[in-house]
Protein backbone atom coordinates (compact mmCIF):
# COMPACT_ATOMS: atom_id res chain seq x y z
CA MET A 1 14.65 -176.07 -80.86
CA GLY A 2 15.90 -174.40 -76.98
CA SER A 3 13.16 -172.32 -76.04
CA THR A 4 12.22 -168.48 -75.42
CA LYS A 5 12.09 -166.13 -72.29
CA ARG A 6 8.60 -164.26 -72.67
CA MET A 7 8.86 -160.40 -72.50
CA VAL A 8 7.27 -159.50 -68.76
CA LYS A 9 5.75 -156.20 -68.91
CA VAL A 10 6.78 -154.16 -65.93
CA SER A 11 3.69 -150.91 -65.09
CA PHE A 12 6.31 -148.01 -63.55
CA THR A 13 5.77 -143.48 -62.79
CA LYS A 14 7.50 -141.14 -63.93
CA MET A 15 8.55 -139.45 -60.78
CA ALA A 16 11.19 -136.29 -60.15
CA GLY A 17 12.15 -134.86 -56.42
CA THR A 18 12.81 -131.38 -56.96
CA GLY A 19 14.82 -132.21 -60.50
CA ASN A 20 15.98 -135.62 -59.53
CA ASP A 21 14.40 -137.99 -61.28
CA PHE A 22 13.18 -141.87 -61.19
CA ILE A 23 11.16 -144.89 -62.23
CA MET A 24 9.28 -146.45 -59.59
CA VAL A 25 8.16 -149.35 -59.96
CA ASN A 26 6.08 -151.10 -57.26
CA ASN A 27 7.01 -154.83 -56.71
CA VAL A 28 5.75 -155.18 -53.10
CA LYS A 29 3.72 -158.48 -54.56
CA LYS A 30 6.99 -159.77 -56.21
CA LEU A 31 4.42 -158.96 -59.20
CA TYR A 32 8.32 -159.65 -61.49
CA ASN A 33 11.09 -161.19 -61.18
CA LEU A 34 14.05 -159.10 -62.53
CA ASP A 35 17.76 -157.45 -62.76
CA TRP A 36 16.90 -154.54 -61.56
CA GLN A 37 20.76 -153.42 -62.45
CA ALA A 38 20.02 -154.39 -65.49
CA PHE A 39 17.38 -152.92 -65.67
CA ALA A 40 18.61 -149.20 -64.68
CA VAL A 41 21.40 -149.51 -66.57
CA ARG A 42 18.67 -150.36 -69.88
CA PHE A 43 15.76 -147.98 -68.47
CA CYS A 44 17.86 -144.55 -67.49
CA PRO A 45 18.62 -143.12 -71.05
CA LEU A 46 17.16 -140.17 -71.52
CA LYS A 47 18.11 -141.05 -75.00
CA THR A 48 18.02 -144.91 -75.83
CA GLY A 49 15.35 -145.22 -72.43
CA ILE A 50 12.89 -144.15 -70.52
CA GLY A 51 15.76 -141.35 -68.92
CA ALA A 52 15.74 -140.93 -64.63
CA ASP A 53 19.11 -140.78 -62.70
CA GLY A 54 17.95 -144.48 -61.14
CA VAL A 55 15.52 -146.56 -60.18
CA ILE A 56 14.04 -147.01 -57.54
CA VAL A 57 11.72 -150.60 -56.58
CA LEU A 58 9.38 -151.32 -53.44
CA ASP A 59 10.04 -153.75 -52.45
CA GLU A 60 7.78 -156.54 -48.97
CA ASP A 61 8.91 -155.42 -46.38
CA THR A 62 7.52 -157.34 -43.58
CA ASP A 63 8.76 -155.21 -40.45
CA THR A 64 7.94 -152.02 -42.62
CA ASN A 65 5.25 -150.43 -44.81
CA PHE A 66 8.13 -151.75 -48.08
CA ALA A 67 11.69 -152.45 -48.19
CA PHE A 68 13.21 -148.78 -50.38
CA ARG A 69 15.34 -150.25 -53.19
CA ILE A 70 16.98 -147.72 -55.83
CA PHE A 71 19.15 -148.74 -58.63
CA ASN A 72 22.03 -145.92 -59.75
CA ALA A 73 21.98 -145.77 -63.40
CA ASP A 74 25.05 -147.28 -64.02
CA GLY A 75 23.37 -150.85 -62.17
CA SER A 76 25.13 -149.45 -58.54
CA GLU A 77 22.22 -149.84 -56.20
CA ALA A 78 23.50 -147.29 -53.38
CA GLU A 79 22.37 -147.30 -49.14
CA MET A 80 19.08 -144.63 -49.77
CA CYS A 81 18.69 -140.97 -51.80
CA GLY A 82 16.38 -138.61 -50.03
CA ASN A 83 14.58 -136.89 -53.32
CA GLY A 84 14.43 -140.31 -54.82
CA ALA A 85 12.63 -140.95 -50.66
CA ARG A 86 10.91 -138.49 -51.01
CA CYS A 87 9.40 -139.54 -53.81
CA ALA A 88 9.31 -143.46 -52.84
CA ALA A 89 6.87 -141.91 -49.52
CA LEU A 90 4.28 -141.26 -52.39
CA PHE A 91 3.86 -143.52 -54.58
CA ALA A 92 3.72 -145.32 -51.81
CA VAL A 93 0.26 -143.81 -51.17
CA GLN A 94 -0.68 -143.04 -55.15
CA GLN A 95 -0.09 -147.22 -55.02
CA GLY A 96 -2.23 -148.22 -51.89
CA VAL A 97 1.00 -149.68 -50.05
CA ALA A 98 1.35 -146.87 -47.47
CA LYS A 99 -0.48 -143.91 -46.11
CA ASN A 100 0.13 -140.47 -45.81
CA SER A 101 2.15 -141.26 -42.40
CA MET A 102 4.88 -144.30 -42.88
CA ARG A 103 7.96 -145.85 -42.79
CA PHE A 104 10.11 -147.87 -44.33
CA LYS A 105 13.79 -149.68 -44.84
CA THR A 106 16.45 -148.38 -46.98
CA LEU A 107 19.61 -149.90 -46.13
CA ALA A 108 21.41 -147.64 -44.35
CA GLY A 109 18.37 -147.24 -41.65
CA ILE A 110 14.48 -146.87 -42.08
CA ILE A 111 12.93 -144.43 -42.72
CA GLY A 112 10.18 -142.75 -41.56
CA ALA A 113 7.82 -140.36 -44.35
CA ARG A 114 4.55 -137.94 -44.40
CA ILE A 115 2.77 -136.43 -46.82
CA ASP A 116 1.44 -132.86 -45.90
CA LYS A 117 -0.64 -130.81 -48.90
CA GLU A 118 2.65 -129.90 -50.96
CA ASP A 119 5.36 -130.99 -49.82
CA VAL A 120 6.68 -134.42 -49.06
CA ALA A 121 9.01 -134.51 -45.76
CA ILE A 122 11.23 -137.93 -44.94
CA ARG A 123 13.46 -138.53 -41.68
CA MET A 124 16.43 -139.45 -42.22
CA THR A 125 18.29 -141.34 -40.13
CA ASP A 126 21.14 -139.97 -37.61
CA PRO A 127 24.72 -138.44 -39.28
CA GLU A 128 27.35 -140.62 -38.45
CA GLY A 129 30.72 -139.27 -38.70
CA LEU A 130 30.97 -136.61 -39.73
CA LYS A 131 34.41 -134.56 -40.33
CA THR A 132 35.52 -130.79 -40.76
CA GLY A 133 39.34 -129.03 -42.11
CA ILE A 134 40.11 -132.56 -44.28
CA SER A 135 43.22 -131.81 -46.58
CA ILE A 136 42.81 -133.19 -50.06
CA ASP A 137 45.17 -133.22 -52.24
CA VAL A 138 43.28 -132.17 -55.70
CA GLU A 139 44.61 -131.28 -59.04
CA ASP A 140 48.20 -130.86 -57.41
CA GLU A 141 45.99 -128.33 -54.92
CA GLN A 142 45.88 -129.01 -51.64
CA THR A 143 41.45 -128.33 -50.45
CA SER A 144 39.61 -128.08 -47.40
CA VAL A 145 37.21 -130.60 -47.46
CA HIS A 146 34.20 -131.07 -44.89
CA PHE A 147 32.45 -135.20 -44.57
CA ILE A 148 29.63 -136.11 -43.34
CA ASN A 149 27.38 -139.66 -44.71
CA THR A 150 24.61 -138.38 -44.45
CA GLY A 151 23.07 -142.48 -45.85
CA VAL A 152 25.51 -141.66 -48.02
CA PRO A 153 28.52 -140.29 -47.56
CA HIS A 154 28.69 -136.66 -48.84
CA THR A 155 32.07 -134.25 -48.54
CA ILE A 156 31.51 -130.34 -49.11
CA LEU A 157 33.73 -127.84 -50.53
CA PHE A 158 32.66 -124.59 -49.16
CA ILE A 159 33.42 -121.83 -52.67
CA ASP A 160 32.93 -118.13 -53.58
CA HIS A 161 31.41 -118.18 -56.85
CA ILE A 162 29.14 -121.41 -57.55
CA GLU A 163 27.44 -120.31 -61.04
CA ASP A 164 31.56 -120.64 -61.83
CA ALA A 165 31.92 -124.36 -60.00
CA ARG A 166 34.10 -126.98 -62.29
CA VAL A 167 30.99 -129.52 -60.88
CA PHE A 168 32.38 -132.25 -63.41
CA GLU A 169 35.92 -131.88 -63.41
CA LEU A 170 36.15 -131.47 -59.56
CA GLY A 171 33.68 -133.73 -58.38
CA ARG A 172 34.87 -136.03 -60.19
CA ALA A 173 38.06 -135.92 -58.09
CA ILE A 174 36.13 -135.56 -55.56
CA ARG A 175 34.65 -138.61 -55.52
CA PHE A 176 37.10 -140.99 -56.58
CA HIS A 177 39.95 -140.02 -54.71
CA ASN A 178 41.63 -142.45 -52.80
CA ARG A 179 41.25 -140.42 -48.91
CA PHE A 180 37.22 -141.89 -50.03
CA ALA A 181 37.87 -144.85 -51.45
CA PRO A 182 36.69 -147.94 -51.87
CA ALA A 183 33.51 -146.56 -51.47
CA GLY A 184 33.66 -143.42 -52.74
CA THR A 185 31.64 -140.20 -51.96
CA ASN A 186 28.79 -137.73 -53.69
CA ALA A 187 31.19 -134.31 -53.95
CA ASN A 188 29.08 -131.07 -53.24
CA PHE A 189 30.41 -127.16 -53.91
CA VAL A 190 28.36 -125.31 -51.69
CA GLN A 191 27.92 -121.06 -51.50
CA VAL A 192 26.22 -119.45 -48.33
CA LEU A 193 23.96 -117.38 -49.40
CA SER A 194 22.35 -115.87 -46.20
CA GLN A 195 22.48 -116.63 -42.55
CA ASP A 196 19.18 -119.46 -42.95
CA ARG A 197 19.42 -120.12 -46.95
CA ILE A 198 22.99 -121.98 -48.79
CA HIS A 199 23.52 -123.17 -52.92
CA VAL A 200 24.66 -126.27 -53.78
CA ARG A 201 25.63 -128.17 -56.70
CA THR A 202 26.55 -132.01 -56.59
CA TYR A 203 27.88 -133.96 -58.57
CA GLU A 204 26.62 -137.51 -57.52
CA ARG A 205 28.79 -141.11 -56.88
CA GLY A 206 26.33 -143.70 -59.76
CA VAL A 207 25.64 -141.12 -61.59
CA GLU A 208 28.84 -139.84 -62.57
CA ALA A 209 27.61 -136.34 -63.12
CA GLU A 210 26.21 -133.52 -61.99
CA THR A 211 22.57 -134.07 -61.52
CA TYR A 212 20.27 -131.11 -60.63
CA ALA A 213 18.93 -131.70 -56.67
CA CYS A 214 20.26 -134.50 -54.65
CA GLY A 215 18.43 -134.59 -51.51
CA THR A 216 21.61 -136.23 -49.11
CA GLY A 217 23.85 -133.55 -49.89
CA ALA A 218 21.85 -131.02 -50.05
CA VAL A 219 21.17 -132.21 -45.94
CA ALA A 220 24.86 -132.84 -45.91
CA SER A 221 25.34 -129.51 -47.01
CA ALA A 222 23.56 -128.23 -44.48
CA ILE A 223 24.31 -129.72 -42.00
CA ILE A 224 27.97 -128.37 -41.84
CA ALA A 225 27.02 -125.84 -42.89
CA GLU A 226 25.84 -125.10 -39.62
CA HIS A 227 27.98 -126.95 -37.69
CA LEU A 228 30.96 -124.94 -39.16
CA GLY A 229 28.70 -121.52 -38.36
CA LYS A 230 28.06 -120.30 -41.63
CA VAL A 231 24.34 -120.27 -41.30
CA ILE A 232 22.82 -119.70 -37.19
CA GLY A 233 20.21 -122.91 -36.43
CA ALA A 234 17.20 -124.72 -38.29
CA PRO A 235 15.82 -124.89 -40.53
CA VAL A 236 17.93 -124.28 -43.68
CA HIS A 237 16.80 -122.78 -47.04
CA VAL A 238 18.94 -125.07 -49.61
CA HIS A 239 18.54 -123.92 -53.49
CA THR A 240 19.86 -126.65 -56.25
CA LYS A 241 19.15 -126.69 -60.00
CA GLY A 242 15.61 -128.50 -59.44
CA GLY A 243 14.91 -126.05 -57.05
CA ASP A 244 14.44 -125.98 -53.37
CA LEU A 245 14.79 -128.05 -50.57
CA LYS A 246 14.40 -126.90 -46.27
CA ILE A 247 16.37 -129.15 -43.52
CA ASP A 248 15.08 -128.86 -40.09
CA PHE A 249 17.37 -130.59 -37.20
CA THR A 250 18.31 -131.31 -34.00
CA ARG A 251 21.35 -130.45 -32.56
CA ASP A 252 23.40 -131.67 -29.53
CA GLY A 253 26.91 -130.38 -29.41
CA SER A 254 28.56 -132.17 -32.73
CA ARG A 255 25.16 -134.47 -32.47
CA TYR A 256 21.81 -134.05 -35.21
CA SER A 257 19.68 -135.60 -34.93
CA GLY A 258 15.90 -135.01 -35.97
CA VAL A 259 16.33 -134.80 -39.35
CA TRP A 260 14.00 -134.06 -41.78
CA LEU A 261 14.55 -133.16 -45.39
CA ILE A 262 11.43 -130.87 -47.22
CA GLY A 263 10.09 -130.15 -50.61
CA PRO A 264 7.76 -130.81 -53.77
CA VAL A 265 7.43 -134.40 -55.51
CA ASP A 266 5.48 -133.66 -58.98
CA THR A 267 4.18 -137.24 -61.25
CA VAL A 268 5.02 -136.91 -64.16
CA PHE A 269 3.57 -139.69 -65.95
CA THR A 270 3.04 -143.50 -66.07
CA GLY A 271 3.27 -146.46 -68.85
CA GLU A 272 4.70 -149.69 -68.96
CA ILE A 273 7.18 -151.00 -70.87
CA MET A 274 8.41 -154.38 -72.22
CA VAL A 275 10.89 -156.34 -70.48
CA ARG A 276 12.63 -159.48 -71.70
CA PRO A 277 13.00 -161.34 -67.66
């Protein structure tokens, strides 16, 4: 008779960073040998799983406090996620993996983080590839967008009335546009509210839908808005469906550095699930 693999009990924490929700797993001690892509596809759906935008796994790393891995709801592994990284920082402290100040490795580079009383702040990798005034054809119309990579690729479209934005339809068209192939791009719709405040809605690659917030998208939108003179200096306050974020940075010409993403993180619940390896 053939043998069957025993089910594995996996401990997890559900966390949310301004509306971005994640299933957090501590695998620093290599307790689990699982297909995390399949895990994300199985447990991210709300109706049949736990419900989340993605799965974040803390892995062992010899150079930093831990290695950060994130798997989108479709199973794809992303380079980075701003709000996910903020959740990971607080989770690491809760799990005894790190102190209130830490460094961890992502596919986009090494991230610094600190835990304040009410907020979690992460220092992002320096953004790259800034380009403004890109003309693309979307739904048979020429549209001017802007691009920057803040750990993952982001395209920004400024609009006057964000509540009227067709985030799913236009966001999906931009996300899969040939101009950004083969990696694709996240699509951000941005309304300027004041000289230091913007409102952002994001269609996220991998989730393939609008999310309540996107940390790297908030950073991208704030930097592009400042670069174009739509806001004045830093910090830039970013309003999203899931809450407010603060983006701080320094600028030297077209070069941006010292980029910090700051905002709250909520621990929603903890639990255990049985998984077949």
